[in-house]
Protein backbone atom coordinates (compact mmCIF):
# COMPACT_ATOMS: atom_id res chain seq x y z
CA MET A 1 63.88 106.60 99.69
CA LYS A 2 60.26 107.61 98.84
CA LYS A 3 60.10 105.38 96.23
CA THR A 4 61.54 102.28 98.44
CA VAL A 5 59.11 102.97 101.10
CA PHE A 6 56.07 103.31 98.62
CA PHE A 7 57.07 100.11 96.72
CA CYS A 8 57.52 98.02 100.27
CA SER A 9 53.97 99.16 101.33
CA LEU A 10 52.78 98.02 97.94
CA LEU A 11 54.56 94.69 98.10
CA LEU A 12 52.85 93.74 101.51
CA SER A 13 49.38 93.76 99.85
CA CYS A 14 50.40 92.33 96.23
CA HIS A 15 49.52 88.98 96.92
CA ALA A 16 46.07 90.09 98.51
CA PHE A 17 44.82 92.04 95.14
CA ALA A 18 44.14 91.24 91.78
CA LYS A 19 45.99 92.71 88.69
CA ASP A 20 43.31 95.70 88.30
CA SER A 21 43.18 96.46 92.01
CA PHE A 22 46.13 98.71 91.93
CA ASP A 23 45.17 102.62 91.84
CA ARG A 24 46.47 103.64 88.39
CA GLU A 25 45.67 107.16 89.09
CA MET A 26 47.94 107.15 92.15
CA LEU A 27 50.60 105.64 90.28
CA ARG A 28 50.52 108.23 87.46
CA ASP A 29 50.72 111.19 90.32
CA LEU A 30 53.60 109.39 91.64
CA GLY A 31 55.15 109.80 88.25
CA TYR A 32 54.74 106.00 86.98
CA ASP A 33 52.89 104.90 83.94
CA ASP A 34 50.19 101.89 83.94
CA SER A 35 53.00 99.21 83.09
CA VAL A 36 54.16 99.67 86.53
CA GLY A 37 50.96 98.41 87.78
CA ASP A 38 51.20 95.55 85.42
CA LEU A 39 54.67 94.74 86.71
CA LEU A 40 53.82 94.76 90.46
CA ALA A 41 50.74 92.53 89.90
CA GLU A 42 52.76 89.76 88.11
CA GLU A 43 55.41 89.27 91.13
CA ALA A 44 57.33 91.32 93.45
CA HIS A 45 60.01 93.58 91.68
CA PHE A 46 62.07 96.49 92.12
CA LEU A 47 60.54 99.79 90.85
CA PRO A 48 62.14 101.28 87.59
CA GLY A 49 65.05 103.81 88.52
CA HIS A 50 67.93 103.72 90.78
CA HIS A 51 68.11 101.76 94.20
CA GLN A 52 70.71 101.07 96.52
CA VAL A 53 70.52 97.30 96.90
CA THR A 54 72.81 94.78 98.95
CA LEU A 55 74.29 92.13 96.49
CA ILE A 56 74.71 88.37 97.51
CA ILE A 57 76.94 86.23 94.99
CA ASN A 58 76.65 82.52 95.56
CA GLY A 59 75.77 82.92 99.34
CA GLN A 60 78.46 85.72 100.21
CA GLN A 61 77.33 89.34 100.82
CA LYS A 62 79.37 91.83 98.59
CA GLY A 63 78.09 94.94 100.12
CA SER A 64 75.64 97.64 98.95
CA LYS A 65 75.94 98.92 95.58
CA ASP A 66 73.77 101.47 93.28
CA LEU A 67 71.74 99.64 90.39
CA THR A 68 69.65 100.96 87.93
CA PHE A 69 66.44 98.95 87.16
CA ASP A 70 64.64 99.14 83.67
CA ARG A 71 60.84 99.36 82.95
CA GLN A 72 60.54 95.63 83.63
CA GLY A 73 62.02 95.89 87.00
CA LYS A 74 65.25 94.04 85.77
CA ALA A 75 68.74 94.97 87.04
CA CYS A 76 71.01 96.63 84.65
CA TRP A 77 74.68 95.38 85.16
CA SER A 78 77.89 97.16 83.97
CA SER A 79 81.16 95.76 83.19
CA ALA A 80 82.94 97.71 85.66
CA LEU A 81 80.37 96.29 88.62
CA LEU A 82 80.87 92.84 87.19
CA GLU A 83 84.49 93.09 87.33
CA GLU A 84 84.24 94.19 90.89
CA LEU A 85 82.00 91.58 92.20
CA GLY A 86 84.40 89.00 90.42
CA ILE A 87 82.16 88.04 87.42
CA THR A 88 83.32 87.75 84.18
CA PRO A 89 81.45 90.18 81.81
CA ARG A 90 81.55 87.68 79.11
CA ALA A 91 78.73 85.62 81.15
CA PHE A 92 76.37 88.73 80.21
CA THR A 93 75.06 90.15 77.15
CA SER A 94 73.80 93.35 76.04
CA ALA A 95 70.15 94.08 76.65
CA ALA A 96 67.98 94.96 73.59
CA GLU A 97 66.52 98.33 74.78
CA SER A 98 69.44 99.53 76.42
CA ASP A 99 73.49 99.55 76.70
CA CYS A 100 73.30 97.81 79.89
CA LEU A 101 74.24 93.97 80.38
CA ILE A 102 72.13 91.18 81.52
CA PRO A 103 72.78 87.58 82.28
CA ALA A 104 73.04 85.58 78.88
CA PRO A 105 70.31 82.84 79.16
CA GLU A 106 73.07 80.05 78.00
CA ASN A 107 75.13 80.74 81.11
CA ASN A 108 72.62 79.69 83.69
CA ILE A 109 73.18 82.50 85.78
CA THR A 110 70.11 83.01 88.32
CA VAL A 111 68.85 86.45 89.61
CA ILE A 112 66.66 86.33 92.67
CA GLU A 113 65.10 89.20 93.69
CA HIS A 114 64.32 90.38 97.43
CA PRO A 115 62.48 93.90 97.31
CA ASP A 116 61.29 92.96 100.81
CA ARG A 117 64.90 92.94 102.06
CA ASN A 118 66.35 95.50 99.20
CA SER A 119 68.70 92.82 98.18
CA LEU A 120 69.60 90.99 94.86
CA GLU A 121 70.84 87.27 95.07
CA LEU A 122 72.94 85.79 92.19
CA LYS A 123 73.82 82.50 91.69
CA VAL A 124 76.66 82.14 89.45
CA PRO A 125 78.42 78.92 88.07
CA PRO A 126 82.10 78.40 88.37
CA ASP A 127 82.72 79.29 84.76
CA GLY A 128 81.09 82.64 85.25
CA LEU A 129 83.54 83.67 87.86
CA GLN A 130 86.92 85.30 87.29
CA ASP A 131 90.03 83.55 88.20
CA ARG A 132 91.87 86.58 88.98
CA LEU A 133 91.78 88.13 92.55
CA HIS A 134 90.01 91.47 93.31
CA TYR A 135 91.47 93.19 96.32
CA ALA A 136 91.99 96.72 97.83
CA SER A 137 95.22 97.81 99.34
CA GLY A 138 96.63 100.83 101.14
CA GLY A 139 94.82 102.83 103.77
CA LYS A 140 95.09 103.67 107.34
CA ALA A 141 93.44 102.66 110.47
CA LEU A 142 93.34 102.06 114.05
CA ILE A 143 91.09 99.40 115.78
CA LEU A 144 89.87 98.38 119.05
CA ASN A 145 87.79 95.56 119.62
CA TYR A 146 86.54 94.46 123.30
CA ASP A 147 84.19 92.55 125.34
CA ALA A 148 84.27 93.51 129.09
CA ASN A 149 81.89 91.91 131.80
CA VAL A 150 81.42 92.23 135.34
CA TYR A 151 78.62 90.10 137.31
CA ARG A 152 78.12 89.77 140.84
CA TYR A 153 76.51 86.58 142.27
CA GLN A 154 74.72 86.35 145.75
CA ARG A 155 74.56 83.19 147.14
CA GLN A 156 71.78 82.04 149.66
CA SER A 157 74.02 80.70 152.11
CA ALA A 158 77.30 82.24 151.28
CA ASN A 159 79.03 85.67 150.79
CA SER A 160 78.70 87.30 147.30
CA ALA A 161 81.01 87.01 144.60
CA THR A 162 82.17 89.19 141.74
CA ASN A 163 83.32 87.79 138.21
CA GLN A 164 85.15 90.19 135.94
CA THR A 165 86.39 89.31 132.19
CA LEU A 166 87.89 91.20 129.58
CA THR A 167 89.01 90.26 126.24
CA SER A 168 90.39 92.69 123.76
CA GLU A 169 92.20 93.18 120.42
CA ALA A 170 94.05 96.31 119.35
CA GLY A 171 95.96 97.31 116.32
CA ILE A 172 96.75 99.57 113.52
CA ASN A 173 96.67 99.36 109.92
CA PHE A 174 99.47 101.26 107.89
CA ASN A 175 99.41 101.04 103.91
CA ASP A 176 99.82 97.36 103.35
CA TRP A 177 100.91 96.27 106.86
CA ILE A 178 98.90 95.50 109.91
CA VAL A 179 99.63 95.09 113.69
CA ARG A 180 97.51 92.91 116.03
CA SER A 181 97.70 92.32 119.83
CA GLY A 182 95.10 90.15 121.77
CA GLN A 183 94.86 89.60 125.19
CA SER A 184 92.40 88.37 128.15
CA PHE A 185 91.92 89.27 131.73
CA SER A 186 89.61 87.50 134.38
CA THR A 187 89.15 87.62 138.09
CA TRP A 188 86.99 85.21 139.93
CA GLY A 189 86.96 84.75 143.78
CA GLY A 190 90.05 87.04 144.09
CA LYS A 191 92.09 85.27 141.77
CA LYS A 192 93.24 87.21 138.77
CA ASP A 193 94.58 85.84 135.46
CA PHE A 194 96.18 87.78 132.50
CA SER A 195 97.34 86.06 129.21
CA ARG A 196 98.75 87.76 126.08
CA LEU A 197 97.28 85.79 123.25
CA TYR A 198 99.27 87.18 120.36
CA THR A 199 101.05 90.12 119.18
CA TYR A 200 102.56 90.17 115.63
CA THR A 201 102.80 92.26 112.52
CA GLN A 202 101.56 91.04 109.34
CA LYS A 203 101.85 91.80 105.34
CA THR A 204 100.07 90.31 102.40
CA PHE A 205 102.01 89.83 99.25
CA THR A 206 99.27 89.58 96.38
CA ASN A 207 101.84 88.57 93.72
CA LEU A 208 102.68 85.56 95.71
CA SER A 209 98.93 85.18 97.37
CA SER A 210 100.80 84.75 100.63
CA VAL A 211 100.89 86.39 104.05
CA LEU A 212 103.87 86.84 106.05
CA GLN A 213 103.53 87.13 109.75
CA ALA A 214 106.09 87.83 112.56
CA GLY A 215 106.12 88.05 116.27
CA GLU A 216 103.72 85.91 118.86
CA ILE A 217 101.91 83.84 116.06
CA SER A 218 100.00 80.50 116.15
CA THR A 219 101.03 78.36 112.96
CA ASN A 220 98.51 78.58 110.14
CA ASP A 221 99.62 75.28 108.47
CA PRO A 222 97.00 72.57 107.27
CA VAL A 223 98.64 69.84 109.17
CA PHE A 224 100.62 71.51 111.82
CA GLY A 225 98.16 74.22 112.65
CA GLY A 226 97.95 76.02 116.12
CA ILE A 227 101.36 75.70 117.55
CA ASN A 228 102.29 78.64 119.14
CA LEU A 229 105.48 80.37 118.51
CA THR A 230 107.58 83.30 118.80
CA GLY A 231 108.80 83.73 115.54
CA ALA A 232 107.86 84.11 111.67
CA GLN A 233 105.67 82.24 109.20
CA LEU A 234 104.49 82.46 105.71
CA PHE A 235 101.23 80.68 104.41
CA PRO A 236 98.71 81.28 101.66
CA GLU A 237 96.16 84.41 101.83
CA MET A 238 93.21 83.40 104.25
CA ALA A 239 90.77 85.22 102.17
CA LEU A 240 91.62 82.94 99.21
CA GLN A 241 91.04 79.79 101.44
CA GLY A 242 87.91 80.60 102.80
CA GLY A 243 88.60 80.01 106.28
CA SER A 244 89.86 81.64 109.71
CA ASN A 245 91.41 80.77 113.03
CA HIS A 246 88.40 80.84 114.76
CA ALA A 247 85.72 78.04 116.00
CA THR A 248 81.83 77.73 116.66
CA ILE A 249 80.82 75.60 119.57
CA ASP A 250 77.53 74.14 120.23
CA THR A 251 76.55 73.22 123.63
CA VAL A 252 73.58 73.16 126.31
CA ILE A 253 73.74 75.08 129.45
CA PRO A 254 71.08 74.33 132.36
CA LEU A 255 70.66 77.93 133.56
CA ALA A 256 71.03 81.52 132.72
CA ALA A 257 74.77 82.03 133.03
CA THR A 258 78.01 83.54 132.34
CA VAL A 259 80.07 81.35 129.94
CA GLU A 260 83.93 81.60 129.61
CA VAL A 261 85.87 79.51 126.90
CA TRP A 262 89.34 78.59 128.12
CA GLN A 263 92.08 76.63 126.30
CA ARG A 264 95.27 75.49 127.87
CA ASP A 265 94.50 77.55 130.86
CA ILE A 266 93.98 80.80 128.63
CA LEU A 267 90.61 82.71 128.54
CA LEU A 268 89.88 83.10 124.86
CA LYS A 269 86.27 84.65 125.11
CA SER A 270 83.13 85.10 127.48
CA PHE A 271 79.47 85.04 126.96
CA ARG A 272 76.52 86.08 128.64
CA LEU A 273 73.64 83.24 127.56
CA PRO A 274 70.09 82.26 128.31
CA ALA A 275 69.22 78.64 129.40
CA GLY A 276 69.14 75.74 126.86
CA ALA A 277 70.61 74.98 123.54
CA VAL A 278 73.15 77.71 122.58
CA THR A 279 76.02 78.57 119.94
CA LEU A 280 79.27 80.04 120.88
CA GLU A 281 80.81 81.68 117.72
CA ASP A 282 83.65 83.59 116.72
CA ILE A 283 86.13 81.54 119.38
CA PRO A 284 89.88 82.52 118.69
CA VAL A 285 92.01 79.23 118.63
CA LEU A 286 95.18 78.73 120.35
CA ASN A 287 95.83 75.53 118.89
CA ARG A 288 94.26 72.55 117.07
CA GLN A 289 94.95 69.89 119.91
CA ASP A 290 93.95 71.22 123.32
CA ASP A 291 90.34 70.80 124.26
CA PHE A 292 87.99 73.54 125.15
CA ILE A 293 86.95 74.20 128.74
CA LEU A 294 83.70 75.89 129.42
CA LYS A 295 83.40 77.52 133.01
CA ILE A 296 79.76 78.00 133.57
CA ARG A 297 78.74 80.16 136.20
CA ASP A 298 74.91 80.44 136.70
CA ASP A 299 72.91 83.39 138.34
CA ALA A 300 72.10 81.10 141.37
CA GLY A 301 76.05 81.33 142.24
CA GLY A 302 76.77 77.68 140.80
CA GLU A 303 79.54 76.65 138.94
CA GLN A 304 80.37 73.80 136.61
CA GLN A 305 82.57 72.74 133.67
CA GLN A 306 82.17 71.31 130.18
CA ILE A 307 85.03 69.74 128.19
CA ILE A 308 84.56 70.30 124.41
CA PRO A 309 87.34 68.42 122.41
CA TYR A 310 88.70 70.41 119.53
CA VAL A 311 87.48 67.95 116.69
CA GLN A 312 83.71 68.78 117.99
CA ALA A 313 84.09 72.50 117.28
CA ARG A 314 83.10 73.91 113.94
CA THR A 315 85.55 75.73 112.22
CA ALA A 316 85.24 77.76 108.83
CA ARG A 317 87.83 76.04 106.57
CA VAL A 318 86.77 73.34 104.42
CA PHE A 319 89.56 72.30 102.04
CA SER A 320 92.96 72.63 103.28
CA SER A 321 95.11 75.26 101.65
CA THR A 322 97.38 73.82 98.94
CA GLY A 323 99.97 76.46 98.89
CA LEU A 324 103.36 76.64 100.58
CA SER A 325 103.29 77.10 104.49
CA LEU A 326 106.68 77.83 106.47
CA ALA A 327 107.26 78.76 110.12
CA ALA A 328 110.13 78.78 112.57
CA GLY A 329 110.34 79.98 115.89
CA GLN A 330 110.48 79.16 119.64
CA LEU A 331 107.58 77.63 121.63
CA ARG A 332 105.61 79.64 123.65
CA LEU A 333 102.56 79.54 125.96
CA SER A 334 104.13 76.18 126.97
CA SER A 335 106.47 74.97 129.74
CA GLU A 336 108.86 74.09 126.94
CA LYS A 337 110.70 76.62 125.00
CA PHE A 338 112.51 74.58 122.19
CA PRO A 339 112.94 75.98 118.88
CA LEU A 340 111.38 74.33 115.80
CA ALA A 341 110.40 74.58 112.27
CA THR A 342 107.69 73.46 109.99
CA ALA A 343 106.77 73.31 106.42
CA SER A 344 104.03 71.98 104.27
CA ALA A 345 102.58 71.88 100.66
CA GLY A 346 100.05 70.86 98.45
CA VAL A 347 100.49 67.60 96.86
CA TYR A 348 97.38 67.44 94.68
CA GLN A 349 94.35 69.11 94.37
CA ASN A 350 90.94 68.76 92.28
CA THR A 351 87.33 69.75 93.09
CA ARG A 352 87.01 66.46 94.91
CA LEU A 353 90.46 66.04 96.63
CA SER A 354 92.92 67.98 98.37
CA LEU A 355 96.19 66.51 99.57
CA VAL A 356 98.67 67.91 101.47
CA SER A 357 101.85 66.84 103.41
CA GLY A 358 104.48 68.46 105.75
CA GLY A 359 107.30 68.02 108.23
CA LEU A 360 108.18 69.23 111.59
CA VAL A 361 111.61 69.17 113.02
CA SER A 362 112.90 70.44 116.37
CA GLN A 363 116.05 69.48 118.77
CA ASP A 364 114.38 66.53 120.42
CA TYR A 365 111.18 65.86 118.25
CA GLN A 366 110.45 65.38 114.49
CA SER A 367 107.16 64.68 113.12
CA ALA A 368 105.82 63.91 109.45
CA ALA A 369 101.88 64.23 108.65
CA TRP A 370 99.74 64.09 105.74
CA ARG A 371 96.10 65.35 105.30
CA ALA A 372 93.36 64.45 102.64
CA ASP A 373 89.94 66.25 102.46
CA ILE A 374 87.69 64.41 99.97
CA ARG A 375 84.24 65.53 98.65
CA LEU A 376 82.37 62.24 98.64
CA THR A 377 79.08 64.14 97.42
CA GLU A 378 78.14 67.65 96.88
CA THR A 379 77.48 67.85 100.61
CA LEU A 380 79.29 65.27 102.20
CA LEU A 381 82.79 65.90 103.24
CA SER A 382 85.42 63.48 104.67
CA THR A 383 88.96 64.23 106.07
CA LEU A 384 91.78 61.79 106.86
CA THR A 385 94.75 62.63 108.72
CA GLN A 386 97.75 60.62 109.58
CA THR A 387 100.68 62.10 111.89
CA LEU A 388 103.87 60.27 112.97
CA SER A 389 105.94 61.60 115.71
CA LEU A 390 109.75 60.81 116.63
CA ALA A 391 110.66 61.75 120.27
CA LYS A 392 113.73 61.79 122.61
CA ASP A 393 113.65 59.30 125.31
CA SER A 394 114.74 61.17 128.25
CA GLN A 395 115.55 57.80 129.92
CA GLU A 396 118.02 56.69 127.26
CA GLN A 397 120.74 58.81 126.40
CA SER A 398 120.42 58.03 122.73
CA GLY A 399 117.00 56.49 122.50
CA HIS A 400 113.92 57.76 120.67
CA VAL A 401 110.36 56.58 120.88
CA LYS A 402 107.89 56.58 117.80
CA GLY A 403 104.33 57.21 117.81
CA ILE A 404 101.40 57.78 115.28
CA LYS A 405 97.94 59.15 115.16
CA ASN A 406 95.24 58.59 112.60
CA GLN A 407 91.92 60.78 112.45
CA ALA A 408 89.07 60.38 110.43
CA SER A 409 85.89 62.71 110.08
CA LEU A 410 82.77 63.03 107.95
CA ALA A 411 80.62 66.33 107.85
CA TYR A 412 77.13 66.68 106.26
CA PRO A 413 75.15 69.80 106.27
CA VAL A 414 71.72 68.69 107.05
CA THR A 415 70.14 72.11 106.62
CA GLY A 416 71.24 75.60 106.39
CA HIS A 417 71.66 75.81 110.39
CA LEU A 418 72.25 72.19 111.26
CA SER A 419 75.03 69.93 110.44
CA ALA A 420 76.05 66.65 111.40
CA ASN A 421 79.84 65.55 112.31
CA ALA A 422 81.46 62.35 112.93
CA VAL A 423 85.21 62.24 114.12
CA ALA A 424 87.30 58.98 115.33
CA SER A 425 90.71 59.47 116.40
CA PHE A 426 93.28 56.89 117.23
CA TYR A 427 96.47 57.24 119.11
CA SER A 428 99.19 54.93 119.64
CA LYS A 429 101.04 54.69 123.13
CA ASN A 430 104.06 56.90 122.36
CA PHE A 431 102.50 59.48 120.25
CA LEU A 432 103.04 63.35 121.09
CA GLU A 433 101.33 66.12 119.60
CA PRO A 434 103.47 68.91 118.08
CA GLY A 435 103.70 71.73 120.44
CA SER A 436 103.39 69.65 123.67
CA ALA A 437 106.45 68.51 125.87
CA MET A 438 109.14 67.78 123.25
CA THR A 439 110.67 64.96 125.02
CA TYR A 440 109.28 61.66 126.01
CA ARG A 441 109.05 61.22 129.81
């Protein structure tokens, strides 16, 4: 720890001094030889020895690890650590003066040192990463996540009002099983609202790279996602697909306010935010069809609403999952309680294109859909989706109505904190979304 503090203080003044400006005598008193002064004078480095540093691999944090740094301030890697990080040891070579491993020049692995942030950033090409999975299993845990807020508003010409919100998630982990329950509660103007978002049990089968989920679920399907069921589903492991069932919303609020995010009359999350452009993060998603409703209550007692279409929200997933997805159960959080089943699977995938298709069957409703995710350039992504629906016409005993929806989108990351998105959707007259009313009226 003393070494780290000493090094950071030296680092702040490195650029302001010439090479010979370091106090060599002080370095010797601390146990370092004159070569350390040369090392610090050249550029920012970690000092030789052992340091606990944060590792970042291709932009993803991999936690804090204990690393040894040689006399030149270069990290010394072990085969075991590389295996743990998902990097093939063959991409590294033995150092000339020790038995540790260093990146082989021909493999184009870049190591960027951040001594001021106590971290190392590695950029590893795809051929330097391992294909097999690295995971941990077992263990026991009890979790409780909650967000509770109580606000009191005093209007200038009216009675005061109190707003209370509570969103929570409770659960347990036991060996390779998890149980989760999410709920929300709100009061405003004497009106109370309680919703149970989900309650399910889940197990990951690593040999299948799939997850089994049962209970009150939301379908995790690339073409029929977000349908709320009481039932069961099998889908590819989300950690392997780089996505999650959460969304991020960018908006602008005129005054400091409490902002509640609702979908289908169910409170998802609440925020306390200042005026101006804001980002609402980590919002759980009930489905991928209904708009988000933002209820904004400012400190002056004013109320307003904003409607944010789902397609304007940012989600984590880029390419669709290509594994098999199956779901069956009864509709919930809806006036309709029809049983239904869905199935989808990947048709084709490479580094530029991901194509999936699937179908949905129910008592009075059937649907088929396909989705293509296309990487037009390294940064420009396009998604094309087409969904066909066939629903029973309640006005005719044996009649059905057909509908179709076409959707296209483009996404481009302008900077690390700014992206541009364009979405166009086209609906035919009789099209019905899966999970909505299942009989045409």
